[in-house]
């Protein structure tokens, strides 16, 4: 019997860190998984996960905040501020978090960001 072929290294790196932990009790739309995707700079996958989480639970302030972080990292100012605004509407504690979260560093001098986080 021929040995089993390994997936290309790049493919393994892109999927292994977060897909192996999914089960019916830990679905892929968990905030923890989306944050891992974001940390691995898998922006497209993270964006899909955040959008799914927001669709399933529109009052999840953490999902809105994390999607705002992603947009800020990508330089999408308007989207970042819109999602941050929604996160803060749902949970005002995200004001302080945004002021300290380095993912928003590019927006710290932005007047609208300052108003939101005030």
N, C-alpha and C. Protein backbone atom coordinates (compact mmCIF):
# COMPACT_ATOMS: atom_id res chain seq x y z
N UNK A 1 0.85 -1.18 0.00
CA UNK A 1 0.00 0.00 0.00
C UNK A 1 0.89 1.24 0.00
N UNK A 2 0.55 2.18 -0.84
CA UNK A 2 1.35 3.41 -0.95
C UNK A 2 1.16 4.26 0.29
N UNK A 3 2.21 4.96 0.71
CA UNK A 3 2.08 5.83 1.88
C UNK A 3 1.10 6.97 1.61
N UNK A 4 0.42 7.38 2.66
CA UNK A 4 -0.55 8.47 2.54
C UNK A 4 0.19 9.76 2.22
N UNK A 5 -0.33 10.48 1.23
CA UNK A 5 0.28 11.76 0.85
C UNK A 5 -0.05 12.81 1.90
N UNK A 6 0.94 13.61 2.22
CA UNK A 6 0.72 14.73 3.13
C UNK A 6 0.18 15.91 2.36
N UNK A 7 -0.66 16.69 3.04
CA UNK A 7 -1.11 17.93 2.43
C UNK A 7 0.07 18.89 2.35
N UNK A 8 0.06 19.78 1.38
CA UNK A 8 1.15 20.77 1.31
C UNK A 8 1.25 21.53 2.63
N UNK A 9 2.47 21.90 3.00
CA UNK A 9 2.72 22.56 4.27
C UNK A 9 1.85 23.81 4.45
N UNK A 10 1.75 24.62 3.41
CA UNK A 10 0.96 25.86 3.51
C UNK A 10 -0.48 25.55 3.88
N UNK A 11 -1.05 24.54 3.25
CA UNK A 11 -2.44 24.17 3.53
C UNK A 11 -2.58 23.71 4.98
N UNK A 12 -1.63 22.91 5.45
CA UNK A 12 -1.67 22.44 6.85
C UNK A 12 -1.60 23.62 7.80
N UNK A 13 -0.71 24.57 7.52
CA UNK A 13 -0.56 25.73 8.40
C UNK A 13 -1.82 26.57 8.44
N UNK A 14 -2.52 26.64 7.31
CA UNK A 14 -3.71 27.48 7.25
C UNK A 14 -4.91 26.87 7.97
N UNK A 15 -4.95 25.56 8.08
CA UNK A 15 -6.15 24.94 8.65
C UNK A 15 -5.94 24.31 10.01
N UNK A 16 -4.82 23.75 10.28
CA UNK A 16 -4.62 22.97 11.49
C UNK A 16 -4.86 23.73 12.79
N UNK A 17 -4.37 24.95 12.97
CA UNK A 17 -4.50 25.58 14.28
C UNK A 17 -5.91 25.74 14.79
N UNK A 18 -6.89 25.87 13.91
CA UNK A 18 -8.23 26.15 14.42
C UNK A 18 -9.28 25.13 14.02
N UNK A 19 -9.08 24.38 12.97
CA UNK A 19 -10.14 23.46 12.56
C UNK A 19 -10.18 22.21 13.42
N UNK A 20 -9.08 21.82 14.01
CA UNK A 20 -9.06 20.58 14.78
C UNK A 20 -9.85 20.69 16.07
N UNK A 21 -10.17 21.88 16.51
CA UNK A 21 -10.88 22.04 17.77
C UNK A 21 -12.38 22.11 17.61
N UNK A 22 -12.89 22.07 16.40
CA UNK A 22 -14.33 22.22 16.18
C UNK A 22 -15.07 20.90 16.42
N UNK A 23 -16.22 21.03 17.00
CA UNK A 23 -17.13 19.91 17.18
C UNK A 23 -18.52 20.50 17.29
N UNK A 24 -19.51 19.65 17.49
CA UNK A 24 -20.86 20.19 17.62
C UNK A 24 -20.99 21.05 18.88
N UNK A 25 -20.09 20.83 19.86
CA UNK A 25 -20.12 21.62 21.10
C UNK A 25 -19.22 22.85 21.02
N UNK A 26 -18.40 22.93 20.00
CA UNK A 26 -17.48 24.06 19.82
C UNK A 26 -17.51 24.46 18.35
N UNK A 27 -18.63 25.06 17.90
CA UNK A 27 -18.78 25.38 16.48
C UNK A 27 -17.79 26.44 16.01
N UNK A 28 -17.55 26.51 14.69
CA UNK A 28 -16.55 27.43 14.17
C UNK A 28 -16.87 28.91 14.36
N UNK A 29 -18.09 29.23 14.78
CA UNK A 29 -18.42 30.64 14.97
C UNK A 29 -18.15 31.11 16.39
N UNK A 30 -17.45 30.30 17.19
CA UNK A 30 -17.09 30.73 18.53
C UNK A 30 -16.11 31.89 18.46
N UNK A 31 -16.26 32.83 19.37
CA UNK A 31 -15.38 34.00 19.38
C UNK A 31 -13.92 33.61 19.50
N UNK A 32 -13.63 32.58 20.26
CA UNK A 32 -12.25 32.13 20.45
C UNK A 32 -11.61 31.77 19.11
N UNK A 33 -12.33 31.06 18.27
CA UNK A 33 -11.78 30.65 16.98
C UNK A 33 -11.56 31.85 16.07
N UNK A 34 -12.48 32.80 16.10
CA UNK A 34 -12.33 33.97 15.24
C UNK A 34 -11.11 34.77 15.66
N UNK A 35 -10.88 34.86 16.96
CA UNK A 35 -9.71 35.58 17.44
C UNK A 35 -8.43 34.89 17.01
N UNK A 36 -8.42 33.56 17.02
CA UNK A 36 -7.25 32.82 16.56
C UNK A 36 -7.01 33.09 15.09
N UNK A 37 -8.05 33.09 14.30
CA UNK A 37 -7.89 33.39 12.87
C UNK A 37 -7.29 34.78 12.69
N UNK A 38 -7.75 35.72 13.47
CA UNK A 38 -7.25 37.09 13.39
C UNK A 38 -5.78 37.13 13.76
N UNK A 39 -5.40 36.40 14.81
CA UNK A 39 -4.00 36.38 15.24
C UNK A 39 -3.10 35.77 14.18
N UNK A 40 -3.61 34.83 13.42
CA UNK A 40 -2.81 34.22 12.36
C UNK A 40 -2.89 35.02 11.06
N UNK A 41 -3.48 36.21 11.12
CA UNK A 41 -3.60 37.10 9.97
C UNK A 41 -4.35 36.43 8.81
N UNK A 42 -5.31 35.63 9.14
CA UNK A 42 -6.18 35.02 8.14
C UNK A 42 -7.43 35.89 8.06
N UNK A 43 -7.25 37.10 7.53
CA UNK A 43 -8.30 38.10 7.58
C UNK A 43 -9.59 37.66 6.89
N UNK A 44 -9.47 37.06 5.72
CA UNK A 44 -10.67 36.67 4.98
C UNK A 44 -11.46 35.63 5.77
N UNK A 45 -10.78 34.62 6.29
CA UNK A 45 -11.46 33.58 7.08
C UNK A 45 -12.05 34.17 8.35
N UNK A 46 -11.31 35.05 9.00
CA UNK A 46 -11.81 35.68 10.21
C UNK A 46 -13.04 36.52 9.91
N UNK A 47 -13.00 37.27 8.82
CA UNK A 47 -14.14 38.11 8.44
C UNK A 47 -15.38 37.26 8.22
N UNK A 48 -15.23 36.14 7.53
CA UNK A 48 -16.37 35.24 7.32
C UNK A 48 -16.92 34.74 8.65
N UNK A 49 -16.04 34.39 9.58
CA UNK A 49 -16.48 33.89 10.88
C UNK A 49 -17.19 34.97 11.68
N UNK A 50 -16.65 36.20 11.68
CA UNK A 50 -17.30 37.30 12.39
C UNK A 50 -18.68 37.59 11.80
N UNK A 51 -18.75 37.60 10.48
CA UNK A 51 -20.04 37.87 9.83
C UNK A 51 -21.07 36.81 10.19
N UNK A 52 -20.64 35.58 10.23
CA UNK A 52 -21.55 34.48 10.60
C UNK A 52 -22.00 34.62 12.05
N UNK A 53 -21.07 34.96 12.94
CA UNK A 53 -21.41 35.13 14.35
C UNK A 53 -22.41 36.27 14.53
N UNK A 54 -22.19 37.37 13.83
CA UNK A 54 -23.09 38.52 13.93
C UNK A 54 -24.46 38.18 13.36
N UNK A 55 -24.47 37.40 12.30
CA UNK A 55 -25.74 36.96 11.70
C UNK A 55 -26.52 36.09 12.68
N UNK A 56 -25.81 35.19 13.37
CA UNK A 56 -26.46 34.27 14.31
C UNK A 56 -26.86 34.95 15.61
N UNK A 57 -26.04 35.91 16.04
CA UNK A 57 -26.30 36.58 17.32
C UNK A 57 -25.94 38.06 17.19
N UNK A 58 -26.84 38.86 16.62
CA UNK A 58 -26.54 40.26 16.35
C UNK A 58 -26.27 41.12 17.58
N UNK A 59 -26.59 40.61 18.77
CA UNK A 59 -26.32 41.37 19.99
C UNK A 59 -25.02 40.96 20.67
N UNK A 60 -24.16 40.25 19.97
CA UNK A 60 -22.86 39.83 20.50
C UNK A 60 -21.85 40.96 20.32
N UNK A 61 -21.68 41.76 21.35
CA UNK A 61 -20.79 42.92 21.28
C UNK A 61 -19.35 42.51 20.96
N UNK A 62 -18.93 41.36 21.47
CA UNK A 62 -17.57 40.89 21.22
C UNK A 62 -17.31 40.62 19.75
N UNK A 63 -18.30 40.08 19.06
CA UNK A 63 -18.14 39.81 17.63
C UNK A 63 -18.01 41.12 16.85
N UNK A 64 -18.83 42.11 17.21
CA UNK A 64 -18.74 43.42 16.56
C UNK A 64 -17.37 44.06 16.83
N UNK A 65 -16.92 43.96 18.07
CA UNK A 65 -15.63 44.55 18.45
C UNK A 65 -14.49 43.88 17.69
N UNK A 66 -14.52 42.56 17.65
CA UNK A 66 -13.44 41.84 16.96
C UNK A 66 -13.45 42.10 15.46
N UNK A 67 -14.63 42.24 14.87
CA UNK A 67 -14.66 42.57 13.45
C UNK A 67 -14.14 44.00 13.23
N UNK A 68 -14.42 44.89 14.17
CA UNK A 68 -13.86 46.25 14.10
C UNK A 68 -12.34 46.20 14.16
N UNK A 69 -11.80 45.34 15.02
CA UNK A 69 -10.34 45.17 15.10
C UNK A 69 -9.78 44.73 13.75
N UNK A 70 -10.43 43.77 13.14
CA UNK A 70 -9.98 43.26 11.85
C UNK A 70 -9.98 44.39 10.81
N UNK A 71 -11.07 45.14 10.75
CA UNK A 71 -11.14 46.25 9.79
C UNK A 71 -10.06 47.29 10.07
N UNK A 72 -9.81 47.57 11.34
CA UNK A 72 -8.77 48.54 11.69
C UNK A 72 -7.40 48.05 11.22
N UNK A 73 -7.13 46.78 11.43
CA UNK A 73 -5.85 46.21 10.98
C UNK A 73 -5.70 46.28 9.47
N UNK A 74 -6.81 46.14 8.77
CA UNK A 74 -6.78 46.18 7.31
C UNK A 74 -6.82 47.61 6.77
N UNK A 75 -6.95 48.60 7.65
CA UNK A 75 -6.98 49.99 7.21
C UNK A 75 -8.33 50.43 6.69
N UNK A 76 -9.39 49.69 7.02
CA UNK A 76 -10.74 50.04 6.59
C UNK A 76 -11.42 50.87 7.68
N UNK A 77 -11.07 52.15 7.71
CA UNK A 77 -11.49 53.07 8.76
C UNK A 77 -13.00 53.09 8.97
N UNK A 78 -13.75 53.32 7.91
CA UNK A 78 -15.21 53.46 8.03
C UNK A 78 -15.85 52.20 8.61
N UNK A 79 -15.46 51.04 8.10
CA UNK A 79 -16.00 49.79 8.61
C UNK A 79 -15.60 49.57 10.07
N UNK A 80 -14.35 49.88 10.39
CA UNK A 80 -13.86 49.70 11.76
C UNK A 80 -14.66 50.57 12.72
N UNK A 81 -14.86 51.82 12.37
CA UNK A 81 -15.59 52.73 13.25
C UNK A 81 -17.07 52.35 13.36
N UNK A 82 -17.67 51.91 12.28
CA UNK A 82 -19.08 51.49 12.33
C UNK A 82 -19.27 50.29 13.25
N UNK A 83 -18.38 49.31 13.13
CA UNK A 83 -18.50 48.12 13.99
C UNK A 83 -18.15 48.44 15.43
N UNK A 84 -17.16 49.30 15.64
CA UNK A 84 -16.82 49.70 17.00
C UNK A 84 -18.00 50.44 17.64
N UNK A 85 -18.64 51.30 16.88
CA UNK A 85 -19.81 52.03 17.38
C UNK A 85 -20.89 51.04 17.84
N UNK A 86 -21.14 50.01 17.04
CA UNK A 86 -22.17 49.02 17.40
C UNK A 86 -21.75 48.23 18.64
N UNK A 87 -20.48 47.86 18.72
CA UNK A 87 -20.00 47.12 19.90
C UNK A 87 -20.20 47.95 21.17
N UNK A 88 -19.89 49.23 21.09
CA UNK A 88 -20.03 50.12 22.25
C UNK A 88 -21.49 50.34 22.61
N UNK A 89 -22.37 50.40 21.61
CA UNK A 89 -23.81 50.51 21.88
C UNK A 89 -24.29 49.30 22.67
N UNK A 90 -23.76 48.14 22.35
CA UNK A 90 -24.17 46.90 23.02
C UNK A 90 -23.50 46.72 24.38
N UNK A 91 -22.27 47.21 24.51
CA UNK A 91 -21.51 47.04 25.75
C UNK A 91 -20.49 48.17 25.87
N UNK A 92 -20.77 49.12 26.74
CA UNK A 92 -19.93 50.31 26.85
C UNK A 92 -18.51 50.02 27.34
N UNK A 93 -18.27 48.84 27.89
CA UNK A 93 -16.91 48.52 28.35
C UNK A 93 -15.92 48.45 27.19
N UNK A 94 -16.42 48.35 25.98
CA UNK A 94 -15.52 48.29 24.83
C UNK A 94 -14.88 49.65 24.52
N UNK A 95 -15.38 50.72 25.13
CA UNK A 95 -14.73 52.02 24.97
C UNK A 95 -13.30 51.95 25.49
N UNK A 96 -13.15 51.48 26.72
CA UNK A 96 -11.82 51.39 27.33
C UNK A 96 -10.94 50.39 26.60
N UNK A 97 -11.51 49.28 26.21
CA UNK A 97 -10.72 48.26 25.50
C UNK A 97 -10.18 48.81 24.20
N UNK A 98 -11.00 49.58 23.48
CA UNK A 98 -10.56 50.12 22.20
C UNK A 98 -9.40 51.09 22.37
N UNK A 99 -9.41 51.85 23.46
CA UNK A 99 -8.34 52.82 23.70
C UNK A 99 -7.01 52.14 23.98
N UNK A 100 -7.05 50.89 24.43
CA UNK A 100 -5.83 50.17 24.79
C UNK A 100 -5.43 49.11 23.77
N UNK A 101 -6.34 48.70 22.92
CA UNK A 101 -6.09 47.61 21.97
C UNK A 101 -5.24 48.11 20.81
N UNK A 102 -4.05 47.56 20.68
CA UNK A 102 -3.10 48.00 19.64
C UNK A 102 -3.62 47.79 18.23
N UNK A 103 -4.62 46.95 18.06
CA UNK A 103 -5.21 46.77 16.73
C UNK A 103 -5.85 48.07 16.23
N UNK A 104 -6.23 48.94 17.17
CA UNK A 104 -6.84 50.22 16.81
C UNK A 104 -5.83 51.37 16.78
N UNK A 105 -4.57 51.07 16.96
CA UNK A 105 -3.55 52.11 17.08
C UNK A 105 -3.60 53.12 15.93
N UNK A 106 -3.85 52.66 14.72
CA UNK A 106 -3.90 53.57 13.57
C UNK A 106 -5.06 54.56 13.68
N UNK A 107 -6.03 54.26 14.53
CA UNK A 107 -7.20 55.14 14.68
C UNK A 107 -7.14 55.99 15.94
N UNK A 108 -6.16 55.78 16.79
CA UNK A 108 -6.14 56.49 18.07
C UNK A 108 -6.15 58.01 17.92
N UNK A 109 -5.62 58.55 16.85
CA UNK A 109 -5.63 60.01 16.64
C UNK A 109 -6.83 60.48 15.82
N UNK A 110 -7.66 59.56 15.38
CA UNK A 110 -8.84 59.89 14.58
C UNK A 110 -9.90 60.53 15.48
N UNK A 111 -10.44 61.67 15.03
CA UNK A 111 -11.42 62.40 15.85
C UNK A 111 -12.69 61.58 16.13
N UNK A 112 -13.17 60.86 15.14
CA UNK A 112 -14.38 60.04 15.36
C UNK A 112 -14.09 58.91 16.35
N UNK A 113 -12.91 58.31 16.23
CA UNK A 113 -12.53 57.26 17.19
C UNK A 113 -12.49 57.85 18.60
N UNK A 114 -11.89 59.01 18.74
CA UNK A 114 -11.80 59.64 20.07
C UNK A 114 -13.19 59.89 20.65
N UNK A 115 -14.13 60.35 19.81
CA UNK A 115 -15.50 60.57 20.29
C UNK A 115 -16.15 59.26 20.74
N UNK A 116 -15.96 58.22 19.94
CA UNK A 116 -16.56 56.92 20.29
C UNK A 116 -16.01 56.38 21.61
N UNK A 117 -14.72 56.51 21.79
CA UNK A 117 -14.05 55.91 22.95
C UNK A 117 -14.05 56.83 24.18
N UNK A 118 -14.61 58.02 24.05
CA UNK A 118 -14.60 58.98 25.17
C UNK A 118 -15.56 58.57 26.27
